[in-house]
Amino acid sequence: MTMQRWSAFSSGKRGLPLAALAVALAVVPQAALAQQGPLAQQGGDRGEGSSGRQRTVVVPYLEVGQLISADLKNGGDLLTYSLVAVGVDAAVQTTRAEAQVSVRYERRFSWNDDFGDQDAISGIARANVQIIPNTLSIEAGALGIRSRIDGAGAAPSNLIGGSDNVTQVYSAYAGPTLATQVGTVDVNAAYRIGYTKVDANTVALPAGQRPVDIFGDSVSHAASLAFGQQPGGFLPIGWSVSGGYFREDASQLDQRFEDKIIRADVTVPVSATLAIVGGVGYEDIEISERDALRDAAGNPVVGDDGRLVTDQNSPRLLSYDQDGLIWDVGVLWRPSRRTSLEARIGRRYDSLTYYGSFTYTPSQRLAANLTVYDLVAGFGSRLNDNLAGLPTQFDATRNPLSGDLNSCVFGGSGSGCLNDSLQSVASSAFRTRGVTGQVSLTSGSWTHGLGAGYSRRKFFAADTGALAGFDQTIDEVWFASYVGAKQLDPRSSLTGTVYATYLENGPGQTFNGAGSDVLGIGTNAAYFRNFTNRFSGSVAVGLDYFDPKGFESSLIASALLALRYSFQ
């Protein structure tokens, strides 16, 4: 039997996930993404670390444009904006470092006195620096994006015209990772500190309305240690012992999420392509909060920023307390380097759990991926997890009309989506289960990418605290998107996107206190033309429909003409 085939699995759960059992990965054709920014047009390798190629690319740019938008369903008032944007796309790739950043600041000047000017900052950055090659590295990442405040908010797709229910979200993390050997034993360790902040404030509530659970900021810590051997070491089977500690402290009601876990895993090769895996361990999860200050009538006090005021003298109130034995069993199947399947079922969180992944890349023209996940986390730590799962070399795609980052980021060495993290910015911790899948295809001058997924979250809050009505509420989201691109000639191209999201909220997650369903569908198309190596232009049109149950729906038509100068 060929034992080396199982080296990629590193004896089961090697490298214990920092806060999640799975990270949704996506694949998308690179040619479609190449039209999104000047960095993608630099040519050469698109950033896979195995290439050995060294490069440093820094492309600052200035963009000006004219945008018009009209709600065709509610009077058709025409909104006109002039925009100015500055940004930078940069990438560094050397033998010891990989880093990439895409940051954009945009200011829109309204021609209508009834609507104020708007500004937005969006960006994403990832970096890996090898302190000791292939042994000790420093990982870091940062994100700025707009998202919903609560379950009634608009999906972060086309946010032209602004929205009272949309806010700015920032998240960043950094930490070292160690991968080495002691004799024939593999040793892996990692630590990460993260910070997440939501800008939302001054949320006006109707009289008698229960406060909405709005995230403020949080600090998270994640540490893991694992050691084990490949099959064929001391034993014919692979084995590992791993442990982890995870914590998130959120400002809203001084909420705290704490998770301690230790487990042992085995990998038993059955054939050259199939292995049986299993693990058993112990986990202790505790989620707690403090009560809010109360007024004379016993009602929770809400601050000027729309968040509950914490009673620092309140004892800690438990919202989730679970400890005990955990286990899972499953299979690993790898018939070739291009096909891989992992599926596990077991018991965790005092209930049945299942998760896994499937990847299929028969050629450079076709790729498919499916991920199933199940985990308990907080808003900040979950966002940090998804950010850490993104590649260090990527293409940051943006909505051609609004300039906002799309919720999926793609790269040659991996991809990731933030859809489940950005369902809403509630501060309460939750259990999330879901599935995501992606397919990409390149055919001649056309490229296609299709992604879809489902996520279900159940929130936890103390039954005697200010957010008691939020406990055990559930929200679910279904999403799908298609992106297509065609290279017309060496200087021009077309891109198009179609998307749909459906969010189903439980009671307590919207301003009206009742459940609310939100449907968002839309499409946009853009034409890009490089006039010179530095000067380019684009024309884009879009149509977006947004329908929150119990609120006024809208059908927005938009058009943009923009010119960009790149200082490269």
Protein backbone atom coordinates (compact mmCIF):
# COMPACT_ATOMS: atom_id res chain seq x y z
CA MET A 1 0.00 0.00 0.00
CA THR A 2 1.22 3.49 -0.79
CA MET A 3 1.29 5.34 2.52
CA GLN A 4 2.45 8.62 1.03
CA ARG A 5 -0.99 9.15 -0.51
CA TRP A 6 -2.31 10.06 2.95
CA SER A 7 0.35 12.66 3.75
CA ALA A 8 -2.02 15.48 2.86
CA PHE A 9 -4.42 14.40 5.60
CA SER A 10 -1.72 14.54 8.31
CA SER A 11 -3.32 11.91 10.54
CA GLY A 12 -6.88 13.03 10.73
CA LYS A 13 -7.55 16.42 12.32
CA ARG A 14 -4.01 17.72 12.29
CA GLY A 15 -3.94 21.48 12.62
CA LEU A 16 -7.14 21.75 14.68
CA PRO A 17 -9.33 24.44 13.08
CA LEU A 18 -9.06 27.67 15.02
CA ALA A 19 -12.80 28.02 15.54
CA ALA A 20 -14.56 26.00 12.89
CA LEU A 21 -14.73 22.44 11.57
CA ALA A 22 -14.82 23.63 7.97
CA VAL A 23 -14.26 26.74 5.88
CA ALA A 24 -16.32 27.10 2.71
CA LEU A 25 -14.04 27.30 -0.33
CA ALA A 26 -15.02 28.45 -3.75
CA VAL A 27 -13.54 28.23 -7.22
CA VAL A 28 -14.11 30.80 -9.93
CA PRO A 29 -12.52 31.30 -13.35
CA GLN A 30 -9.60 33.69 -13.11
CA ALA A 31 -10.29 35.33 -16.45
CA ALA A 32 -13.64 36.56 -15.17
CA LEU A 33 -11.95 38.18 -12.22
CA ALA A 34 -9.18 39.70 -14.27
CA GLN A 35 -11.54 42.44 -15.37
CA GLN A 36 -12.14 43.71 -11.85
CA GLY A 37 -9.00 45.68 -11.14
CA PRO A 38 -5.65 46.82 -12.46
CA LEU A 39 -3.69 44.33 -10.38
CA ALA A 40 -5.25 41.44 -12.26
CA GLN A 41 -4.08 42.96 -15.54
CA GLN A 42 -0.38 42.86 -14.72
CA GLY A 43 0.06 39.54 -16.46
CA GLY A 44 2.15 36.57 -15.43
CA ASP A 45 1.40 34.20 -12.61
CA ARG A 46 -1.69 35.03 -10.58
CA GLY A 47 -0.07 34.32 -7.26
CA GLU A 48 0.19 30.60 -6.54
CA GLY A 49 3.08 30.19 -4.17
CA SER A 50 4.42 27.11 -5.91
CA SER A 51 5.43 29.09 -8.96
CA GLY A 52 8.61 30.37 -7.34
CA ARG A 53 8.22 33.64 -9.20
CA GLN A 54 9.04 36.84 -7.31
CA ARG A 55 7.19 40.07 -7.92
CA THR A 56 6.08 43.30 -6.31
CA VAL A 57 3.15 45.15 -7.84
CA VAL A 58 1.69 48.35 -6.37
CA VAL A 59 -1.07 50.08 -8.33
CA PRO A 60 -2.60 53.22 -6.78
CA TYR A 61 -5.47 54.64 -8.79
CA LEU A 62 -7.85 57.56 -9.04
CA GLU A 63 -11.36 57.07 -10.41
CA VAL A 64 -14.10 59.54 -11.26
CA GLY A 65 -17.56 58.78 -12.51
CA GLN A 66 -21.19 59.70 -12.91
CA LEU A 67 -23.92 57.48 -11.50
CA ILE A 68 -27.69 57.59 -11.87
CA SER A 69 -30.19 55.46 -9.97
CA ALA A 70 -33.98 55.27 -9.85
CA ASP A 71 -36.50 53.26 -7.84
CA LEU A 72 -38.86 52.09 -10.58
CA LYS A 73 -41.39 50.76 -8.08
CA ASN A 74 -41.84 53.77 -5.81
CA GLY A 75 -42.23 56.88 -7.91
CA GLY A 76 -39.12 56.54 -10.03
CA ASP A 77 -37.26 59.50 -8.49
CA LEU A 78 -33.96 59.85 -10.30
CA LEU A 79 -30.90 60.12 -8.06
CA THR A 80 -27.70 61.45 -9.55
CA TYR A 81 -24.27 61.17 -7.98
CA SER A 82 -20.80 62.26 -8.98
CA LEU A 83 -18.16 60.03 -7.49
CA VAL A 84 -14.47 60.23 -6.72
CA ALA A 85 -12.60 57.16 -5.55
CA VAL A 86 -9.01 56.49 -4.60
CA GLY A 87 -7.58 53.09 -3.98
CA VAL A 88 -4.63 50.79 -4.20
CA ASP A 89 -4.18 47.22 -5.35
CA ALA A 90 -0.86 45.71 -4.32
CA ALA A 91 0.78 42.30 -4.23
CA VAL A 92 4.12 41.05 -2.95
CA GLN A 93 5.47 37.59 -3.66
CA THR A 94 8.98 36.54 -2.65
CA THR A 95 10.59 33.33 -1.46
CA ARG A 96 9.61 34.19 2.14
CA ALA A 97 6.53 36.40 1.88
CA GLU A 98 3.18 36.56 0.15
CA ALA A 99 0.87 39.51 0.66
CA GLN A 100 -1.94 41.21 -1.17
CA VAL A 101 -4.19 44.17 -0.45
CA SER A 102 -7.08 45.89 -2.21
CA VAL A 103 -8.39 49.05 -0.54
CA ARG A 104 -10.82 51.65 -1.90
CA TYR A 105 -12.29 54.86 -0.50
CA GLU A 106 -15.22 56.30 -2.40
CA ARG A 107 -17.03 59.62 -1.96
CA ARG A 108 -20.34 60.27 -3.69
CA PHE A 109 -21.70 63.77 -4.11
CA SER A 110 -25.49 63.83 -4.40
CA TRP A 111 -27.20 66.17 -6.83
CA ASN A 112 -30.39 65.95 -4.78
CA ASP A 113 -30.67 68.06 -1.63
CA ASP A 114 -32.94 65.43 -0.04
CA PHE A 115 -30.09 62.90 -0.04
CA GLY A 116 -26.77 63.56 1.59
CA ASP A 117 -23.35 62.74 0.30
CA GLN A 118 -22.08 59.22 0.93
CA ASP A 119 -18.71 57.71 1.59
CA ALA A 120 -17.53 54.14 2.05
CA ILE A 121 -14.29 52.33 2.77
CA SER A 122 -13.88 48.78 1.51
CA GLY A 123 -10.85 46.58 1.37
CA ILE A 124 -9.27 43.24 2.04
CA ALA A 125 -5.71 42.22 2.85
CA ARG A 126 -3.94 38.93 3.51
CA ALA A 127 -0.28 38.24 4.27
CA ASN A 128 2.02 35.35 5.15
CA VAL A 129 5.65 35.91 6.12
CA GLN A 130 7.96 32.92 6.56
CA ILE A 131 10.20 33.67 9.54
CA ILE A 132 11.76 30.19 9.27
CA PRO A 133 10.93 28.74 5.83
CA ASN A 134 8.36 25.95 6.00
CA THR A 135 8.48 26.00 9.80
CA LEU A 136 7.50 29.30 11.44
CA SER A 137 5.34 31.94 9.80
CA ILE A 138 3.26 34.97 10.68
CA GLU A 139 -0.25 35.19 9.23
CA ALA A 140 -2.36 38.36 9.13
CA GLY A 141 -5.48 39.66 7.46
CA ALA A 142 -7.87 42.62 7.46
CA LEU A 143 -11.30 43.35 6.00
CA GLY A 144 -13.56 46.37 5.54
CA ILE A 145 -17.02 45.73 4.12
CA ARG A 146 -20.65 46.86 4.46
CA SER A 147 -23.34 44.56 5.86
CA ARG A 148 -26.83 44.46 7.38
CA ILE A 149 -27.52 45.86 10.83
CA ASP A 150 -30.36 43.41 11.48
CA GLY A 151 -32.47 40.84 9.71
CA ALA A 152 -34.51 43.45 7.85
CA GLY A 153 -31.45 44.99 6.26
CA ALA A 154 -30.52 44.90 2.61
CA ALA A 155 -28.16 42.25 1.38
CA PRO A 156 -24.72 43.78 0.79
CA SER A 157 -24.98 43.73 -3.00
CA ASN A 158 -25.84 47.03 -4.68
CA LEU A 159 -26.00 49.66 -1.92
CA ILE A 160 -26.44 52.70 -4.17
CA GLY A 161 -28.48 55.36 -2.43
CA GLY A 162 -27.50 54.18 1.01
CA SER A 163 -29.61 52.46 3.64
CA ASP A 164 -30.35 53.08 7.30
CA ASN A 165 -30.07 49.33 7.79
CA VAL A 166 -26.55 48.94 6.43
CA THR A 167 -23.33 49.59 8.32
CA GLN A 168 -19.56 49.42 7.99
CA VAL A 169 -17.81 46.32 9.35
CA TYR A 170 -14.09 46.02 10.07
CA SER A 171 -12.16 42.90 11.06
CA ALA A 172 -8.47 42.07 11.43
CA TYR A 173 -6.31 39.28 12.85
CA ALA A 174 -2.66 38.26 13.19
CA GLY A 175 -0.66 35.44 14.72
CA PRO A 176 2.15 32.88 14.32
CA THR A 177 1.89 29.35 12.91
CA LEU A 178 4.41 26.57 13.61
CA ALA A 179 4.79 23.35 11.59
CA THR A 180 7.79 21.15 12.40
CA GLN A 181 8.89 17.62 13.23
CA VAL A 182 10.35 16.05 16.35
CA GLY A 183 11.87 12.85 15.06
CA THR A 184 9.08 11.30 12.99
CA VAL A 185 6.32 13.12 14.87
CA ASP A 186 4.63 16.09 13.20
CA VAL A 187 4.05 19.08 15.48
CA ASN A 188 1.69 21.94 14.59
CA ALA A 189 0.79 24.97 16.67
CA ALA A 190 -0.99 28.25 15.99
CA TYR A 191 -2.16 31.36 17.79
CA ARG A 192 -4.33 34.18 16.52
CA ILE A 193 -5.67 37.40 18.00
CA GLY A 194 -8.51 39.13 16.19
CA TYR A 195 -10.51 42.34 16.43
CA THR A 196 -13.88 43.11 14.84
CA LYS A 197 -15.87 46.35 14.94
CA VAL A 198 -19.29 47.41 13.64
CA ASP A 199 -20.00 51.12 13.14
CA ALA A 200 -23.82 51.03 13.42
CA ASN A 201 -25.26 53.59 15.82
CA THR A 202 -28.34 55.64 16.68
CA VAL A 203 -30.93 53.05 15.79
CA ALA A 204 -34.40 54.56 16.32
CA LEU A 205 -36.86 52.07 17.85
CA PRO A 206 -40.65 52.35 17.99
CA ALA A 207 -42.21 52.84 21.43
CA GLY A 208 -42.19 49.59 23.38
CA GLN A 209 -39.90 47.86 20.91
CA ARG A 210 -37.52 45.32 22.40
CA PRO A 211 -33.88 46.35 21.77
CA VAL A 212 -32.21 44.83 18.73
CA ASP A 213 -29.05 42.82 19.42
CA ILE A 214 -26.45 44.99 17.63
CA PHE A 215 -22.79 43.96 17.67
CA GLY A 216 -20.33 46.62 18.84
CA ASP A 217 -16.80 45.26 18.86
CA SER A 218 -14.96 42.18 20.11
CA VAL A 219 -11.52 40.74 20.73
CA SER A 220 -10.98 37.05 20.01
CA HIS A 221 -8.17 34.62 20.76
CA ALA A 222 -7.59 31.22 19.17
CA ALA A 223 -4.80 28.77 20.03
CA SER A 224 -4.26 25.19 18.91
CA LEU A 225 -1.61 22.47 19.27
CA ALA A 226 -1.48 19.10 17.49
CA PHE A 227 1.07 16.32 17.17
CA GLY A 228 0.92 12.97 15.39
CA GLN A 229 2.31 10.67 12.72
CA GLN A 230 1.49 9.67 9.20
CA PRO A 231 0.44 6.09 8.42
CA GLY A 232 3.58 3.99 8.08
CA GLY A 233 5.49 5.68 10.93
CA PHE A 234 5.69 3.72 14.16
CA LEU A 235 2.28 2.26 13.33
CA PRO A 236 0.52 1.22 10.11
CA ILE A 237 -2.17 3.79 10.94
CA GLY A 238 -1.94 7.54 11.32
CA TRP A 239 -2.64 9.15 14.68
CA SER A 240 -2.81 12.58 16.25
CA VAL A 241 -3.57 14.26 19.57
CA SER A 242 -4.77 17.86 19.43
CA GLY A 243 -6.14 20.56 21.68
CA GLY A 244 -7.45 24.09 21.36
CA TYR A 245 -8.61 27.12 23.32
CA PHE A 246 -10.88 29.75 21.78
CA ARG A 247 -12.35 32.89 23.32
CA GLU A 248 -14.24 35.97 22.17
CA ASP A 249 -15.12 38.95 24.37
CA ALA A 250 -17.80 41.23 22.90
CA SER A 251 -18.67 44.71 24.14
CA GLN A 252 -22.47 44.32 23.99
CA LEU A 253 -23.43 43.15 27.53
CA ASP A 254 -19.83 42.02 28.05
CA GLN A 255 -20.65 38.77 26.24
CA ARG A 256 -18.04 36.01 26.41
CA PHE A 257 -17.61 32.88 24.31
CA GLU A 258 -15.13 30.28 25.61
CA ASP A 259 -14.34 26.88 24.08
CA LYS A 260 -11.80 24.30 25.34
CA ILE A 261 -11.25 21.08 23.44
CA ILE A 262 -8.90 18.06 23.40
CA ARG A 263 -9.18 15.02 21.15
CA ALA A 264 -7.38 12.06 19.59
CA ASP A 265 -7.76 10.92 15.98
CA VAL A 266 -6.75 7.96 13.84
CA THR A 267 -6.44 7.42 10.09
CA VAL A 268 -6.72 3.81 8.93
CA PRO A 269 -5.79 3.23 5.26
CA VAL A 270 -8.08 0.65 3.64
CA SER A 271 -6.62 0.87 0.14
CA ALA A 272 -4.40 3.15 -1.88
CA THR A 273 -7.33 5.53 -2.32
CA LEU A 274 -9.57 5.04 0.74
CA ALA A 275 -9.08 5.53 4.48
CA ILE A 276 -11.34 5.32 7.53
CA VAL A 277 -10.97 8.16 10.04
CA GLY A 278 -12.30 8.67 13.52
CA GLY A 279 -11.77 10.69 16.65
CA VAL A 280 -12.89 11.05 20.24
CA GLY A 281 -12.37 13.84 22.74
CA TYR A 282 -13.75 16.19 25.36
CA GLU A 283 -15.09 19.71 24.84
CA ASP A 284 -16.29 22.41 27.22
CA ILE A 285 -18.14 25.44 25.77
CA GLU A 286 -19.51 28.27 27.89
CA ILE A 287 -21.24 31.42 26.65
CA SER A 288 -22.21 34.11 29.14
CA GLU A 289 -23.20 37.79 29.40
CA ARG A 290 -24.06 40.46 31.92
CA ASP A 291 -27.45 42.07 32.36
CA ALA A 292 -28.27 45.56 31.06
CA LEU A 293 -28.84 48.56 33.27
CA ARG A 294 -32.53 48.94 34.07
CA ASP A 295 -34.68 52.05 34.40
CA ALA A 296 -37.21 52.63 37.18
CA ALA A 297 -39.76 50.50 35.32
CA GLY A 298 -37.29 47.64 34.94
CA ASN A 299 -36.76 48.15 31.22
CA PRO A 300 -33.27 47.77 29.71
CA VAL A 301 -31.48 51.07 29.12
CA VAL A 302 -30.44 51.76 25.51
CA GLY A 303 -27.49 54.08 24.86
CA ASP A 304 -27.20 56.80 22.24
CA ASP A 305 -25.58 54.30 19.87
CA GLY A 306 -28.65 52.04 19.92
CA ARG A 307 -26.93 49.35 21.98
CA LEU A 308 -27.81 48.13 25.47
CA VAL A 309 -25.92 49.72 28.36
CA THR A 310 -24.11 47.01 30.32
CA ASP A 311 -24.56 46.69 34.08
CA GLN A 312 -20.95 46.04 35.11
CA ASN A 313 -22.11 45.00 38.60
CA SER A 314 -24.34 42.27 37.23
CA PRO A 315 -23.23 38.67 37.79
CA ARG A 316 -22.44 36.68 34.66
CA LEU A 317 -25.53 35.00 33.17
CA LEU A 318 -25.12 31.74 31.29
CA SER A 319 -26.64 31.53 27.83
CA TYR A 320 -24.96 28.27 26.74
CA ASP A 321 -23.14 25.68 28.84
CA GLN A 322 -22.19 22.40 27.21
CA ASP A 323 -19.43 19.93 28.09
CA GLY A 324 -18.83 16.25 27.56
CA LEU A 325 -17.64 13.57 25.20
CA ILE A 326 -17.41 14.30 21.48
CA TRP A 327 -16.72 11.84 18.68
CA ASP A 328 -16.94 11.38 14.94
CA VAL A 329 -16.17 8.78 12.29
CA GLY A 330 -15.90 9.07 8.54
CA VAL A 331 -14.09 8.33 5.32
CA LEU A 332 -11.36 9.96 3.24
CA TRP A 333 -11.36 9.14 -0.45
CA ARG A 334 -8.73 10.37 -2.86
CA PRO A 335 -8.74 8.40 -6.13
CA SER A 336 -6.43 10.96 -7.75
CA ARG A 337 -4.77 14.31 -7.08
CA ARG A 338 -7.78 15.97 -8.72
CA THR A 339 -10.55 14.37 -6.65
CA SER A 340 -10.93 14.40 -2.87
CA LEU A 341 -13.81 13.57 -0.53
CA GLU A 342 -14.04 13.77 3.26
CA ALA A 343 -17.27 13.01 5.14
CA ARG A 344 -17.76 12.67 8.92
CA ILE A 345 -20.68 12.07 11.25
CA GLY A 346 -20.62 12.13 15.03
CA ARG A 347 -21.81 13.82 18.19
CA ARG A 348 -20.95 17.34 19.28
CA TYR A 349 -22.85 20.23 20.88
CA ASP A 350 -25.00 17.53 22.58
CA SER A 351 -26.52 16.53 19.25
CA LEU A 352 -25.80 14.77 15.99
CA THR A 353 -23.26 16.57 13.81
CA TYR A 354 -22.03 16.00 10.29
CA TYR A 355 -19.61 17.84 8.04
CA GLY A 356 -17.31 17.26 5.11
CA SER A 357 -15.97 18.49 1.80
CA PHE A 358 -15.65 17.42 -1.81
CA THR A 359 -13.37 18.86 -4.50
CA TYR A 360 -13.15 17.90 -8.15
CA THR A 361 -10.71 19.58 -10.55
CA PRO A 362 -10.33 17.35 -13.60
CA SER A 363 -8.62 20.14 -15.57
CA GLN A 364 -7.66 23.79 -15.40
CA ARG A 365 -10.92 24.57 -17.18
CA LEU A 366 -13.32 22.92 -14.75
CA ALA A 367 -13.46 22.92 -10.95
CA ALA A 368 -16.15 22.03 -8.43
CA ASN A 369 -16.33 22.22 -4.65
CA LEU A 370 -18.85 21.32 -1.93
CA THR A 371 -18.51 22.00 1.82
CA VAL A 372 -20.78 21.04 4.73
CA TYR A 373 -20.08 22.65 8.14
CA ASP A 374 -21.39 22.71 11.73
CA LEU A 375 -19.94 24.93 14.49
CA VAL A 376 -20.61 27.27 17.42
CA ALA A 377 -19.06 30.75 17.19
CA GLY A 378 -19.55 34.48 17.65
CA PHE A 379 -19.83 37.14 14.95
CA GLY A 380 -16.25 38.38 15.33
CA SER A 381 -14.55 35.00 15.57
CA ARG A 382 -16.56 33.62 12.65
CA LEU A 383 -15.59 36.57 10.47
CA ASN A 384 -11.95 36.13 11.51
CA ASP A 385 -12.17 32.42 10.61
CA ASN A 386 -13.47 33.13 7.13
CA LEU A 387 -10.89 35.85 6.58
CA ALA A 388 -8.07 33.53 7.68
CA GLY A 389 -9.33 30.90 5.23
CA LEU A 390 -8.80 33.17 2.22
CA PRO A 391 -5.66 32.86 0.08
CA THR A 392 -2.75 35.28 0.34
CA GLN A 393 -2.90 35.85 -3.42
CA PHE A 394 -6.36 36.68 -4.75
CA ASP A 395 -8.53 38.81 -7.03
CA ALA A 396 -10.82 41.16 -5.11
CA THR A 397 -14.03 41.49 -7.12
CA ARG A 398 -16.31 44.47 -6.70
CA ASN A 399 -19.80 45.45 -7.72
CA PRO A 400 -19.19 47.60 -10.83
CA LEU A 401 -21.91 50.09 -9.78
CA SER A 402 -21.44 50.52 -6.03
CA GLY A 403 -17.71 49.77 -5.73
CA ASP A 404 -18.40 47.48 -2.74
CA LEU A 405 -16.46 44.28 -2.31
CA ASN A 406 -18.35 41.18 -3.28
CA SER A 407 -18.82 38.70 -0.45
CA CYS A 408 -16.68 36.06 -2.18
CA VAL A 409 -12.92 36.37 -2.73
CA PHE A 410 -11.16 34.13 -5.23
CA GLY A 411 -7.56 33.10 -5.79
CA GLY A 412 -5.42 30.55 -7.53
CA SER A 413 -4.60 28.70 -4.28
CA GLY A 414 -8.08 28.82 -2.75
CA SER A 415 -11.17 30.94 -2.26
CA GLY A 416 -13.72 31.81 0.37
CA CYS A 417 -17.11 33.43 0.88
CA LEU A 418 -18.41 35.58 3.75
CA ASN A 419 -22.13 35.07 3.16
CA ASP A 420 -22.88 33.21 6.40
CA SER A 421 -20.77 35.63 8.48
CA LEU A 422 -22.62 38.67 7.13
CA GLN A 423 -26.22 37.47 7.52
CA SER A 424 -26.63 40.14 10.24
CA VAL A 425 -24.40 41.82 12.81
CA ALA A 426 -26.03 40.39 15.95
CA SER A 427 -23.70 40.23 18.95
CA SER A 428 -25.06 36.97 20.42
CA ALA A 429 -23.10 33.77 19.77
CA PHE A 430 -24.77 31.14 17.65
CA ARG A 431 -24.60 27.64 16.22
CA THR A 432 -24.34 27.69 12.45
CA ARG A 433 -24.85 24.78 10.06
CA GLY A 434 -24.82 24.94 6.32
CA VAL A 435 -23.58 23.89 2.93
CA THR A 436 -21.91 25.77 0.09
CA GLY A 437 -21.00 24.67 -3.42
CA GLN A 438 -19.23 26.22 -6.38
CA VAL A 439 -18.58 25.26 -10.00
CA SER A 440 -16.35 27.13 -12.45
CA LEU A 441 -15.86 26.54 -16.16
CA THR A 442 -13.69 28.09 -18.86
CA SER A 443 -14.77 27.55 -22.45
CA GLY A 444 -12.91 29.41 -25.17
CA SER A 445 -13.06 33.14 -24.46
CA TRP A 446 -15.91 32.64 -21.97
CA THR A 447 -15.59 31.95 -18.28
CA HIS A 448 -18.40 31.00 -15.93
CA GLY A 449 -18.70 30.74 -12.17
CA LEU A 450 -21.68 29.49 -10.18
CA GLY A 451 -21.99 29.45 -6.40
CA ALA A 452 -24.85 28.56 -4.06
CA GLY A 453 -25.34 27.84 -0.39
CA TYR A 454 -27.54 27.58 2.66
CA SER A 455 -26.82 28.58 6.26
CA ARG A 456 -28.87 28.20 9.45
CA ARG A 457 -28.03 29.99 12.69
CA LYS A 458 -29.51 29.50 16.16
CA PHE A 459 -28.66 32.27 18.64
CA PHE A 460 -27.97 31.96 22.37
CA ALA A 461 -28.89 34.50 25.06
CA ALA A 462 -29.43 34.25 28.82
CA ASP A 463 -33.10 33.56 29.60
CA THR A 464 -33.02 36.09 32.49
CA GLY A 465 -31.07 38.81 30.68
CA ALA A 466 -31.99 41.81 28.54
CA LEU A 467 -31.84 39.72 25.35
CA ALA A 468 -33.91 36.82 26.67
CA GLY A 469 -36.34 37.13 23.75
CA PHE A 470 -33.43 36.60 21.36
CA ASP A 471 -32.52 33.17 22.81
CA GLN A 472 -33.06 30.21 20.47
CA THR A 473 -34.16 32.44 17.59
CA ILE A 474 -33.20 31.16 14.18
CA ASP A 475 -32.34 32.79 10.90
CA GLU A 476 -31.73 31.01 7.62
CA VAL A 477 -30.25 32.26 4.36
CA TRP A 478 -30.23 30.79 0.87
CA PHE A 479 -27.95 32.40 -1.71
CA ALA A 480 -26.87 31.81 -5.29
CA SER A 481 -24.83 33.80 -7.77
CA TYR A 482 -23.53 33.47 -11.31
CA VAL A 483 -20.68 35.41 -12.87
CA GLY A 484 -19.76 35.29 -16.52
CA ALA A 485 -17.05 37.04 -18.49
CA LYS A 486 -15.94 37.26 -22.11
CA GLN A 487 -12.66 38.66 -23.40
CA LEU A 488 -13.63 40.61 -26.50
CA ASP A 489 -10.09 41.57 -27.52
CA PRO A 490 -6.76 42.28 -25.75
CA ARG A 491 -8.07 45.64 -24.47
CA SER A 492 -11.76 45.09 -23.77
CA SER A 493 -14.05 42.67 -22.00
CA LEU A 494 -17.57 42.11 -20.71
CA THR A 495 -18.68 40.82 -17.32
CA GLY A 496 -22.10 40.01 -15.96
CA THR A 497 -23.54 38.88 -12.64
CA VAL A 498 -26.88 37.45 -11.54
CA TYR A 499 -27.57 36.88 -7.83
CA ALA A 500 -30.38 35.93 -5.46
CA THR A 501 -30.58 35.82 -1.66
CA TYR A 502 -33.44 34.88 0.63
CA LEU A 503 -33.18 35.52 4.36
CA GLU A 504 -35.75 34.10 6.76
CA ASN A 505 -35.63 35.67 10.23
CA GLY A 506 -36.96 34.43 13.52
CA PRO A 507 -38.84 36.64 16.04
CA GLY A 508 -36.77 39.33 17.76
CA GLN A 509 -34.33 39.96 14.94
CA THR A 510 -36.01 42.96 13.32
CA PHE A 511 -37.21 46.33 14.51
CA ASN A 512 -40.84 45.20 14.52
CA GLY A 513 -40.01 42.30 16.85
CA ALA A 514 -41.64 39.74 14.56
CA GLY A 515 -40.15 37.37 12.06
CA SER A 516 -39.45 38.82 8.65
CA ASP A 517 -38.42 37.34 5.31
CA VAL A 518 -36.15 39.29 2.96
CA LEU A 519 -35.75 38.59 -0.74
CA GLY A 520 -33.03 40.17 -2.86
CA ILE A 521 -32.39 39.46 -6.53
CA GLY A 522 -30.50 41.39 -9.14
CA THR A 523 -28.21 41.53 -12.12
CA ASN A 524 -25.54 43.83 -13.48
CA ALA A 525 -23.29 44.01 -16.51
CA ALA A 526 -20.16 46.01 -17.28
CA TYR A 527 -17.95 46.80 -20.25
CA PHE A 528 -14.26 47.55 -19.59
CA ARG A 529 -11.85 49.21 -22.02
CA ASN A 530 -8.13 49.91 -21.56
CA PHE A 531 -7.29 52.99 -23.62
CA THR A 532 -3.63 52.93 -22.54
CA ASN A 533 -1.64 51.01 -19.95
CA ARG A 534 -2.70 53.56 -17.33
CA PHE A 535 -5.99 54.97 -18.55
CA SER A 536 -9.19 52.92 -18.68
CA GLY A 537 -12.94 53.35 -18.70
CA SER A 538 -16.04 51.36 -17.85
CA VAL A 539 -19.79 51.44 -18.44
CA ALA A 540 -22.11 49.47 -16.15
CA VAL A 541 -25.86 48.95 -15.77
CA GLY A 542 -27.81 47.06 -13.14
CA LEU A 543 -31.26 46.14 -11.87
CA ASP A 544 -31.82 45.14 -8.21
CA TYR A 545 -35.03 44.07 -6.46
CA PHE A 546 -35.26 44.11 -2.67
CA ASP A 547 -38.38 42.94 -0.79
CA PRO A 548 -38.39 42.81 3.04
CA LYS A 549 -41.66 41.37 4.33
CA GLY A 550 -43.59 44.01 6.25
CA PHE A 551 -41.57 46.84 4.69
CA GLU A 552 -41.67 48.66 1.37
CA SER A 553 -40.04 46.81 -1.51
CA SER A 554 -37.91 48.51 -4.17
CA LEU A 555 -36.76 47.95 -7.73
CA ILE A 556 -33.59 49.93 -8.42
CA ALA A 557 -32.22 50.60 -11.90
CA SER A 558 -28.68 52.01 -12.04
CA ALA A 559 -26.13 53.10 -14.63
CA LEU A 560 -22.51 54.22 -14.30
CA LEU A 561 -19.88 55.82 -16.52
CA ALA A 562 -16.40 55.90 -14.97
CA LEU A 563 -12.81 56.71 -15.91
CA ARG A 564 -9.75 55.47 -14.04
CA TYR A 565 -6.11 56.51 -14.04
CA SER A 566 -3.60 54.03 -12.56
CA PHE A 567 -0.30 55.29 -11.16
CA GLN A 568 1.80 52.28 -12.05
